[in-house]
Amino acid sequence: MVEITCPKCHATFTIEYKSIRAQLRDQEFVAALHERERDFEQRKQDAVKIAEAAIIARAQSKIAEKETEIAKLKAQIDSKKTEQELAIKNAVAEKTDELNQKVIEIEQLKGQIDSKEKEAELAQNNLKASYEQQLKFKDEEIERYKDFKAKQSTKMIGESLEVFCKNEFDKMRPVGFQNASFEKDNKISESGSKGDFIFRETEDGVEFISIMFEMKNEADTTATKHKNEDFFKELDKDRKEKKCEYAVLVTLLEPENDLYNNGIVDVSYKYEKMYVVRPQFFIPIITLLRNAARNSLQYRKELVAAQNQNIDITNFEAKLNGFKEKFDRDCRLADKNFEDAINDIDKTIKNLEKIKKELQLTVSHLKLADNKLQDITIKKLVKGNPTMAAKFAELQKEQPEEE
């Protein structure tokens, strides 16, 4: 016990010093405890905010990076598509113009060929008229052939006519047929027939005339007489199967028929591009037909060149279609890669959302821990400790009075 005198009133008080010191120490402890609780709460909230801010910043950075990559990919795809579409349009337009120009040129060439063919037909008619005049001087030669036939067998008659034509051609070959061939037709067609001879002539690799020849003759004493018309159908079939342009029947049949004795006979009204001649007109018919064909040789060459150009255009179209297919395939692959990137981004976003939920769950756990901490600091400390319970009760009573 300690006695204390008041300096003003000089009154004497007796106080218990240990009790006062204990009260002061308990108040300091409680104040320090509350201060530590406030500091812990503040640090905890700051840590949670910093963690949340860091996670959100990382997530936003990742999302921004992915969005930038997506934008770049979209821009690249759009740029490639635009470039490829423009290239295709320009190439197609260019080739379309070229094709149209070539079509116009081909039409012009066809018109020129038609004009030349008409000129050739007129020249052919004039030549036919000229040869008809010459026929008058061939009567003696015809009579000579008739006598010649009478002295030969049926087989020798036919073979002699072929030999005659072959010899006539060989005599004229060095003069005017250096690039021509006149060969025996030894190739049997699918129908089982063949002609006697085939004449072909080329220039600069372009065949401009081909003639299928058939030679027919028979002895005057033959019981069954044939007509020239009996061989037209077979000759026309041989011409088509051997891909010849003209067909010519060299014949000594029907010697009394003035139709065949007056010169070159055009029977194209029955069978296309077919003529009937006597042996003396064998060389003239070749000359007539080849000269007419030669007039259109230049146009044939130009037509072949134009057709080759058309083939080039066809090849270009095939390459263009191949390019389109490759471009479509690349676009599909780009789309797939784009979709895969989007899926990866979606997966990343889902992972970030999962992390966010886990952090939110962590915050919830921290709050629960804080609640438990609060419960520990207030209730658990006084449980089973009457002294501490009394002290806290006194503090609670004193705090309102001080306020």
Protein backbone atom coordinates (compact mmCIF):
# COMPACT_ATOMS: atom_id res chain seq x y z
CA MET A 1 0.00 0.00 0.00
CA VAL A 2 1.24 3.55 -0.77
CA GLU A 3 0.03 6.84 0.70
CA ILE A 4 -0.09 9.82 -1.68
CA THR A 5 -0.74 13.49 -0.56
CA CYS A 6 -2.50 15.90 -2.91
CA PRO A 7 -0.37 19.01 -3.44
CA LYS A 8 -3.39 21.31 -3.63
CA CYS A 9 -5.73 20.15 -0.88
CA HIS A 10 -3.09 18.29 1.07
CA ALA A 11 -5.46 15.29 1.30
CA THR A 12 -3.88 11.88 1.82
CA PHE A 13 -4.87 8.85 -0.36
CA THR A 14 -3.92 5.23 0.02
CA ILE A 15 -3.58 3.29 -3.28
CA GLU A 16 -2.38 -0.16 -4.29
CA TYR A 17 0.49 0.50 -6.74
CA LYS A 18 0.70 -3.06 -8.11
CA SER A 19 -2.99 -3.04 -9.08
CA ILE A 20 -2.64 0.23 -10.99
CA ARG A 21 0.50 -0.96 -12.75
CA ALA A 22 -1.25 -4.22 -13.77
CA GLN A 23 -4.19 -2.24 -15.16
CA LEU A 24 -1.88 -0.03 -17.16
CA ARG A 25 0.02 -3.03 -18.53
CA ASP A 26 -3.23 -4.76 -19.57
CA GLN A 27 -4.43 -1.65 -21.42
CA GLU A 28 -1.15 -1.38 -23.31
CA PHE A 29 -1.35 -5.07 -24.25
CA VAL A 30 -4.90 -4.70 -25.58
CA ALA A 31 -3.98 -1.59 -27.54
CA ALA A 32 -0.93 -3.31 -29.01
CA LEU A 33 -3.03 -6.35 -29.90
CA HIS A 34 -5.61 -4.22 -31.71
CA GLU A 35 -2.88 -2.37 -33.54
CA ARG A 36 -1.32 -5.64 -34.71
CA GLU A 37 -4.74 -6.89 -35.82
CA ARG A 38 -5.29 -3.74 -37.88
CA ASP A 39 -1.84 -4.02 -39.43
CA PHE A 40 -2.40 -7.70 -40.26
CA GLU A 41 -5.79 -6.93 -41.83
CA GLN A 42 -4.33 -4.10 -43.89
CA ARG A 43 -1.35 -6.21 -45.08
CA LYS A 44 -3.69 -9.08 -45.93
CA GLN A 45 -5.99 -6.84 -48.00
CA ASP A 46 -2.99 -5.24 -49.73
CA ALA A 47 -1.55 -8.68 -50.58
CA VAL A 48 -4.89 -9.88 -51.96
CA LYS A 49 -5.26 -6.73 -54.08
CA ILE A 50 -1.70 -7.01 -55.38
CA ALA A 51 -2.19 -10.71 -56.27
CA GLU A 52 -5.49 -10.00 -58.00
CA ALA A 53 -4.02 -7.06 -59.91
CA ALA A 54 -1.00 -9.12 -60.99
CA ILE A 55 -3.16 -12.04 -62.17
CA ILE A 56 -5.58 -9.77 -64.01
CA ALA A 57 -2.67 -7.90 -65.62
CA ARG A 58 -1.08 -11.16 -66.79
CA ALA A 59 -4.41 -12.42 -68.09
CA GLN A 60 -5.10 -9.16 -69.91
CA SER A 61 -1.58 -9.19 -71.36
CA LYS A 62 -2.04 -12.75 -72.64
CA ILE A 63 -5.46 -11.90 -74.08
CA ALA A 64 -4.05 -8.76 -75.73
CA GLU A 65 -1.18 -10.78 -77.25
CA LYS A 66 -3.58 -13.39 -78.61
CA GLU A 67 -5.92 -10.72 -79.97
CA THR A 68 -2.93 -9.07 -81.68
CA GLU A 69 -1.88 -12.42 -83.20
CA ILE A 70 -5.47 -13.05 -84.36
CA ALA A 71 -5.65 -9.61 -85.94
CA LYS A 72 -2.32 -10.19 -87.71
CA LEU A 73 -3.45 -13.59 -88.99
CA LYS A 74 -6.75 -12.15 -90.22
CA ALA A 75 -4.91 -9.29 -91.95
CA GLN A 76 -2.48 -11.72 -93.59
CA ILE A 77 -5.29 -13.99 -94.78
CA ASP A 78 -7.30 -11.05 -96.12
CA SER A 79 -4.20 -9.66 -97.86
CA LYS A 80 -3.36 -13.04 -99.43
CA LYS A 81 -6.93 -13.56 -100.58
CA THR A 82 -7.05 -10.09 -102.09
CA GLU A 83 -3.71 -10.55 -103.86
CA GLN A 84 -4.63 -13.99 -105.20
CA GLU A 85 -8.09 -12.90 -106.34
CA LEU A 86 -6.62 -9.87 -108.10
CA ALA A 87 -3.93 -12.00 -109.77
CA ILE A 88 -6.54 -14.52 -110.92
CA LYS A 89 -8.83 -11.81 -112.25
CA ASN A 90 -5.99 -10.10 -114.12
CA ALA A 91 -4.72 -13.38 -115.59
CA VAL A 92 -8.21 -14.51 -116.64
CA ALA A 93 -8.98 -11.11 -118.15
CA GLU A 94 -5.69 -11.08 -120.05
CA LYS A 95 -6.12 -14.60 -121.40
CA THR A 96 -9.78 -13.91 -122.22
CA ASP A 97 -8.73 -10.92 -124.33
CA GLU A 98 -6.08 -13.03 -126.05
CA LEU A 99 -8.58 -15.81 -126.66
CA ASN A 100 -11.11 -13.38 -128.12
CA GLN A 101 -8.43 -11.93 -130.36
CA LYS A 102 -7.40 -15.41 -131.53
CA VAL A 103 -11.04 -16.31 -132.22
CA ILE A 104 -11.36 -13.17 -134.36
CA GLU A 105 -8.16 -14.07 -136.21
CA ILE A 106 -9.38 -17.64 -136.77
CA GLU A 107 -12.68 -16.36 -138.13
CA GLN A 108 -10.78 -14.04 -140.46
CA LEU A 109 -8.58 -16.93 -141.60
CA LYS A 110 -11.64 -19.09 -142.19
CA GLY A 111 -13.16 -16.33 -144.29
CA GLN A 112 -9.96 -16.03 -146.31
CA ILE A 113 -9.83 -19.81 -146.76
CA ASP A 114 -13.44 -19.83 -147.97
CA SER A 115 -12.60 -17.06 -150.43
CA LYS A 116 -9.56 -18.93 -151.68
CA GLU A 117 -11.56 -22.14 -151.98
CA LYS A 118 -14.11 -20.33 -154.13
CA GLU A 119 -11.30 -19.00 -156.28
CA ALA A 120 -9.86 -22.49 -156.51
CA GLU A 121 -13.28 -23.87 -157.45
CA LEU A 122 -13.57 -21.29 -160.21
CA ALA A 123 -10.08 -22.15 -161.44
CA GLN A 124 -11.02 -25.82 -161.27
CA ASN A 125 -14.09 -25.23 -163.42
CA ASN A 126 -12.00 -23.29 -165.94
CA LEU A 127 -9.48 -26.09 -165.99
CA LYS A 128 -12.21 -28.65 -166.46
CA ALA A 129 -13.49 -26.71 -169.45
CA SER A 130 -9.98 -26.62 -170.86
CA TYR A 131 -9.58 -30.36 -170.45
CA GLU A 132 -12.92 -30.99 -172.04
CA GLN A 133 -11.54 -29.31 -175.14
CA GLN A 134 -8.55 -31.59 -175.03
CA LEU A 135 -10.74 -34.68 -174.84
CA LYS A 136 -11.50 -34.38 -178.49
CA PHE A 137 -7.88 -35.13 -179.21
CA LYS A 138 -7.83 -38.22 -177.01
CA ASP A 139 -10.14 -40.46 -179.03
CA GLU A 140 -7.29 -42.24 -180.72
CA GLU A 141 -5.58 -42.81 -177.40
CA ILE A 142 -8.79 -44.29 -175.99
CA GLU A 143 -9.06 -46.65 -178.92
CA ARG A 144 -5.48 -47.68 -178.31
CA TYR A 145 -6.30 -48.51 -174.69
CA LYS A 146 -9.28 -50.55 -175.82
CA ASP A 147 -7.08 -52.60 -178.10
CA PHE A 148 -4.56 -52.92 -175.35
CA LYS A 149 -7.19 -54.28 -172.97
CA ALA A 150 -8.41 -56.86 -175.43
CA LYS A 151 -5.00 -58.45 -175.51
CA GLN A 152 -4.67 -58.94 -171.75
CA SER A 153 -6.18 -61.23 -169.17
CA THR A 154 -8.53 -59.84 -166.48
CA LYS A 155 -5.83 -59.77 -163.78
CA MET A 156 -3.22 -58.27 -166.07
CA ILE A 157 -5.66 -55.58 -167.14
CA GLY A 158 -6.11 -54.33 -163.57
CA GLU A 159 -2.42 -54.61 -162.73
CA SER A 160 -1.40 -52.86 -165.95
CA LEU A 161 -3.58 -49.84 -165.10
CA GLU A 162 -1.95 -49.57 -161.66
CA VAL A 163 1.51 -49.92 -163.23
CA PHE A 164 0.61 -47.27 -165.78
CA CYS A 165 -0.45 -44.80 -163.10
CA LYS A 166 2.60 -45.58 -160.97
CA ASN A 167 4.95 -45.04 -163.92
CA GLU A 168 3.21 -41.80 -164.87
CA PHE A 169 3.63 -40.46 -161.38
CA ASP A 170 7.28 -41.55 -161.11
CA LYS A 171 8.03 -39.72 -164.36
CA MET A 172 6.52 -36.52 -162.93
CA ARG A 173 7.93 -36.87 -159.39
CA PRO A 174 11.32 -35.14 -160.01
CA VAL A 175 9.58 -32.26 -161.79
CA GLY A 176 6.67 -31.29 -159.56
CA PHE A 177 6.19 -33.78 -156.72
CA GLN A 178 9.46 -33.71 -154.75
CA ASN A 179 7.64 -33.57 -151.39
CA ALA A 180 4.86 -35.98 -152.35
CA SER A 181 4.37 -39.72 -151.89
CA PHE A 182 2.37 -42.12 -154.04
CA GLU A 183 2.39 -45.47 -152.31
CA LYS A 184 0.45 -48.70 -152.46
CA ASP A 185 -2.26 -48.94 -149.80
CA ASN A 186 -1.23 -52.13 -148.01
CA LYS A 187 -2.99 -51.46 -144.71
CA ILE A 188 -6.33 -53.22 -144.44
CA SER A 189 -8.94 -51.16 -142.57
CA GLU A 190 -11.25 -52.40 -139.83
CA SER A 191 -13.92 -53.12 -142.42
CA GLY A 192 -11.52 -55.42 -144.27
CA SER A 193 -11.04 -53.26 -147.38
CA LYS A 194 -8.28 -51.07 -148.80
CA GLY A 195 -7.66 -48.80 -151.76
CA ASP A 196 -5.00 -49.13 -154.44
CA PHE A 197 -2.80 -46.06 -153.90
CA ILE A 198 -2.63 -43.06 -151.58
CA PHE A 199 -1.15 -39.71 -152.63
CA ARG A 200 0.04 -37.34 -149.90
CA GLU A 201 2.01 -34.10 -150.05
CA THR A 202 3.38 -31.93 -147.23
CA GLU A 203 5.17 -28.62 -146.91
CA ASP A 204 6.97 -27.42 -143.78
CA GLY A 205 5.53 -30.38 -141.92
CA VAL A 206 1.92 -29.49 -142.85
CA GLU A 207 0.03 -31.98 -145.00
CA PHE A 208 -2.12 -29.95 -147.37
CA ILE A 209 -3.51 -32.66 -149.66
CA SER A 210 -4.22 -36.41 -149.59
CA ILE A 211 -5.94 -38.51 -152.28
CA MET A 212 -7.20 -42.09 -152.15
CA PHE A 213 -6.90 -43.73 -155.61
CA GLU A 214 -8.76 -46.77 -156.91
CA MET A 215 -7.92 -48.24 -160.35
CA LYS A 216 -10.62 -50.27 -162.16
CA ASN A 217 -10.53 -52.02 -165.52
CA GLU A 218 -11.92 -55.14 -167.15
CA ALA A 219 -11.68 -56.92 -170.48
CA ASP A 220 -14.28 -56.35 -173.13
CA THR A 221 -14.99 -60.07 -173.14
CA THR A 222 -15.91 -60.16 -169.43
CA ALA A 223 -19.35 -61.67 -169.04
CA THR A 224 -20.52 -59.48 -166.13
CA LYS A 225 -19.89 -55.82 -166.82
CA HIS A 226 -19.33 -53.49 -163.86
CA LYS A 227 -20.23 -49.85 -163.64
CA ASN A 228 -18.08 -47.13 -162.15
CA GLU A 229 -20.87 -46.34 -159.69
CA ASP A 230 -20.54 -49.83 -158.22
CA PHE A 231 -17.23 -48.79 -156.58
CA PHE A 232 -18.14 -45.34 -155.26
CA LYS A 233 -19.38 -46.44 -151.83
CA GLU A 234 -16.36 -48.64 -151.11
CA LEU A 235 -13.97 -45.95 -152.30
CA ASP A 236 -15.64 -43.31 -150.11
CA LYS A 237 -15.40 -45.64 -147.09
CA ASP A 238 -11.68 -46.27 -147.76
CA ARG A 239 -11.07 -42.51 -148.07
CA LYS A 240 -12.67 -41.80 -144.69
CA GLU A 241 -11.00 -44.71 -142.89
CA LYS A 242 -7.56 -43.72 -144.24
CA LYS A 243 -8.30 -40.03 -143.47
CA CYS A 244 -7.78 -38.81 -147.04
CA GLU A 245 -9.27 -35.53 -148.25
CA TYR A 246 -10.15 -36.62 -151.81
CA ALA A 247 -11.07 -39.86 -153.57
CA VAL A 248 -10.35 -40.52 -157.26
CA LEU A 249 -11.48 -43.50 -159.33
CA VAL A 250 -9.17 -44.08 -162.32
CA THR A 251 -11.26 -46.28 -164.58
CA LEU A 252 -11.57 -47.82 -167.99
CA LEU A 253 -15.03 -49.19 -167.19
CA GLU A 254 -18.08 -48.16 -169.23
CA PRO A 255 -15.98 -47.15 -172.28
CA GLU A 256 -19.10 -46.14 -174.22
CA ASN A 257 -20.40 -43.76 -171.55
CA ASP A 258 -19.79 -40.20 -172.75
CA LEU A 259 -20.12 -38.90 -169.17
CA TYR A 260 -16.74 -40.40 -168.28
CA ASN A 261 -15.17 -39.89 -171.71
CA ASN A 262 -15.51 -36.09 -171.66
CA GLY A 263 -12.91 -35.42 -168.97
CA ILE A 264 -12.84 -35.18 -165.18
CA VAL A 265 -16.19 -36.12 -163.65
CA ASP A 266 -17.16 -34.63 -160.29
CA VAL A 267 -19.44 -37.05 -158.42
CA SER A 268 -19.37 -35.11 -155.10
CA TYR A 269 -23.17 -34.73 -155.38
CA LYS A 270 -23.26 -38.41 -154.34
CA TYR A 271 -20.05 -38.82 -152.38
CA GLU A 272 -18.08 -35.90 -150.91
CA LYS A 273 -14.89 -34.86 -152.75
CA MET A 274 -14.92 -37.77 -155.22
CA TYR A 275 -13.87 -37.65 -158.89
CA VAL A 276 -13.82 -40.15 -161.76
CA VAL A 277 -11.16 -39.90 -164.50
CA ARG A 278 -9.77 -41.86 -167.36
CA PRO A 279 -6.08 -42.88 -167.14
CA GLN A 280 -4.94 -40.00 -169.35
CA PHE A 281 -6.26 -37.55 -166.72
CA PHE A 282 -4.42 -39.22 -163.85
CA ILE A 283 -1.65 -36.60 -163.61
CA PRO A 284 -3.96 -33.64 -164.43
CA ILE A 285 -6.39 -34.52 -161.60
CA ILE A 286 -3.48 -34.65 -159.12
CA THR A 287 -2.15 -31.32 -160.40
CA LEU A 288 -5.58 -29.74 -160.28
CA LEU A 289 -6.33 -30.82 -156.73
CA ARG A 290 -2.86 -30.03 -155.32
CA ASN A 291 -2.78 -26.56 -156.90
CA ALA A 292 -6.18 -25.80 -155.42
CA ALA A 293 -5.02 -27.06 -152.04
CA ARG A 294 -1.73 -25.13 -152.27
CA ASN A 295 -3.64 -21.85 -152.55
CA SER A 296 -4.93 -22.41 -149.04
CA LEU A 297 -1.63 -23.79 -147.65
CA GLN A 298 -0.66 -20.53 -145.96
CA TYR A 299 -4.02 -20.30 -144.30
CA ARG A 300 -3.81 -23.93 -143.23
CA LYS A 301 -0.44 -23.19 -141.61
CA GLU A 302 -1.90 -20.17 -139.83
CA LEU A 303 -4.90 -22.24 -138.77
CA VAL A 304 -2.59 -24.93 -137.35
CA ALA A 305 -0.65 -22.22 -135.50
CA ALA A 306 -3.91 -20.78 -134.17
CA GLN A 307 -5.02 -24.24 -133.07
CA ASN A 308 -1.68 -24.71 -131.29
CA GLN A 309 -2.25 -21.39 -129.56
CA ASN A 310 -5.68 -22.63 -128.53
CA ILE A 311 -3.93 -25.66 -127.06
CA ASP A 312 -1.64 -23.26 -125.17
CA ILE A 313 -4.72 -21.45 -123.86
CA THR A 314 -6.19 -24.79 -122.81
CA ASN A 315 -2.93 -25.59 -120.99
CA PHE A 316 -3.08 -22.17 -119.33
CA GLU A 317 -6.64 -22.84 -118.19
CA ALA A 318 -5.52 -26.19 -116.78
CA LYS A 319 -2.64 -24.48 -114.93
CA LEU A 320 -5.03 -21.77 -113.74
CA ASN A 321 -7.44 -24.40 -112.40
CA GLY A 322 -4.51 -26.13 -110.69
CA PHE A 323 -3.48 -22.81 -109.17
CA LYS A 324 -7.07 -22.25 -107.97
CA GLU A 325 -7.11 -25.70 -106.38
CA LYS A 326 -3.78 -25.07 -104.62
CA PHE A 327 -4.98 -21.64 -103.50
CA ASP A 328 -8.21 -23.13 -102.13
CA ARG A 329 -6.19 -25.79 -100.32
CA ASP A 330 -3.88 -23.14 -98.82
CA CYS A 331 -6.93 -21.12 -97.76
CA ARG A 332 -8.43 -24.19 -96.12
CA LEU A 333 -5.14 -24.84 -94.30
CA ALA A 334 -4.97 -21.20 -93.23
CA ASP A 335 -8.55 -21.39 -91.98
CA LYS A 336 -7.73 -24.55 -90.07
CA ASN A 337 -4.63 -22.95 -88.52
CA PHE A 338 -6.73 -19.90 -87.67
CA GLU A 339 -9.36 -22.11 -86.03
CA ASP A 340 -6.64 -23.99 -84.14
CA ALA A 341 -5.22 -20.67 -82.92
CA ILE A 342 -8.69 -19.54 -81.84
CA ASN A 343 -9.18 -22.86 -80.02
CA ASP A 344 -5.81 -22.42 -78.30
CA ILE A 345 -6.83 -18.91 -77.27
CA ASP A 346 -10.14 -20.25 -75.96
CA LYS A 347 -8.27 -22.89 -73.99
CA THR A 348 -5.93 -20.22 -72.59
CA ILE A 349 -8.89 -18.05 -71.63
CA LYS A 350 -10.51 -21.04 -69.94
CA ASN A 351 -7.27 -21.74 -68.06
CA LEU A 352 -7.07 -18.08 -66.99
CA GLU A 353 -10.69 -18.18 -65.88
CA LYS A 354 -9.89 -21.33 -63.92
CA ILE A 355 -6.94 -19.58 -62.26
CA LYS A 356 -9.17 -16.58 -61.54
CA LYS A 357 -11.74 -18.84 -59.88
CA GLU A 358 -8.97 -20.51 -57.89
CA LEU A 359 -7.72 -17.08 -56.76
CA GLN A 360 -11.24 -16.04 -55.87
CA LEU A 361 -11.54 -19.28 -53.93
CA THR A 362 -8.22 -18.43 -52.22
CA VAL A 363 -9.60 -15.02 -51.26
CA SER A 364 -12.67 -16.75 -49.83
CA HIS A 365 -10.39 -19.04 -47.81
CA LEU A 366 -8.42 -16.02 -46.62
CA LYS A 367 -11.65 -14.37 -45.49
CA LEU A 368 -12.63 -17.54 -43.67
CA ALA A 369 -9.18 -17.62 -42.10
CA ASP A 370 -9.59 -13.98 -41.08
CA ASN A 371 -12.95 -14.74 -39.52
CA LYS A 372 -11.38 -17.59 -37.65
CA LEU A 373 -8.53 -15.27 -36.60
CA GLN A 374 -11.04 -12.74 -35.32
CA ASP A 375 -12.77 -15.51 -33.42
CA ILE A 376 -9.44 -16.62 -31.95
CA THR A 377 -8.36 -13.15 -30.83
CA ILE A 378 -11.60 -12.26 -29.05
CA LYS A 379 -13.27 -15.41 -27.80
CA LYS A 380 -10.58 -18.07 -27.66
CA LEU A 381 -8.21 -15.93 -25.58
CA VAL A 382 -10.73 -15.44 -22.75
CA LYS A 383 -12.06 -19.00 -22.80
CA GLY A 384 -10.99 -20.79 -19.59
CA ASN A 385 -9.22 -17.64 -18.32
CA PRO A 386 -11.44 -15.75 -15.81
CA THR A 387 -8.84 -13.06 -15.22
CA MET A 388 -8.59 -12.15 -18.94
CA ALA A 389 -12.38 -12.33 -19.23
CA ALA A 390 -12.72 -9.90 -16.35
CA LYS A 391 -10.12 -7.56 -17.77
CA PHE A 392 -11.80 -7.45 -21.18
CA ALA A 393 -15.15 -6.88 -19.49
CA GLU A 394 -13.74 -3.93 -17.58
CA LEU A 395 -12.17 -2.53 -20.76
CA GLN A 396 -15.47 -2.75 -22.57
CA LYS A 397 -17.17 -0.88 -19.73
CA GLU A 398 -14.46 1.80 -19.61
CA GLN A 399 -14.24 2.47 -23.32
CA PRO A 400 -17.75 4.01 -23.69
CA GLU A 401 -17.11 6.29 -20.66
CA GLU A 402 -13.81 7.51 -22.15
CA GLU A 403 -15.43 8.18 -25.51
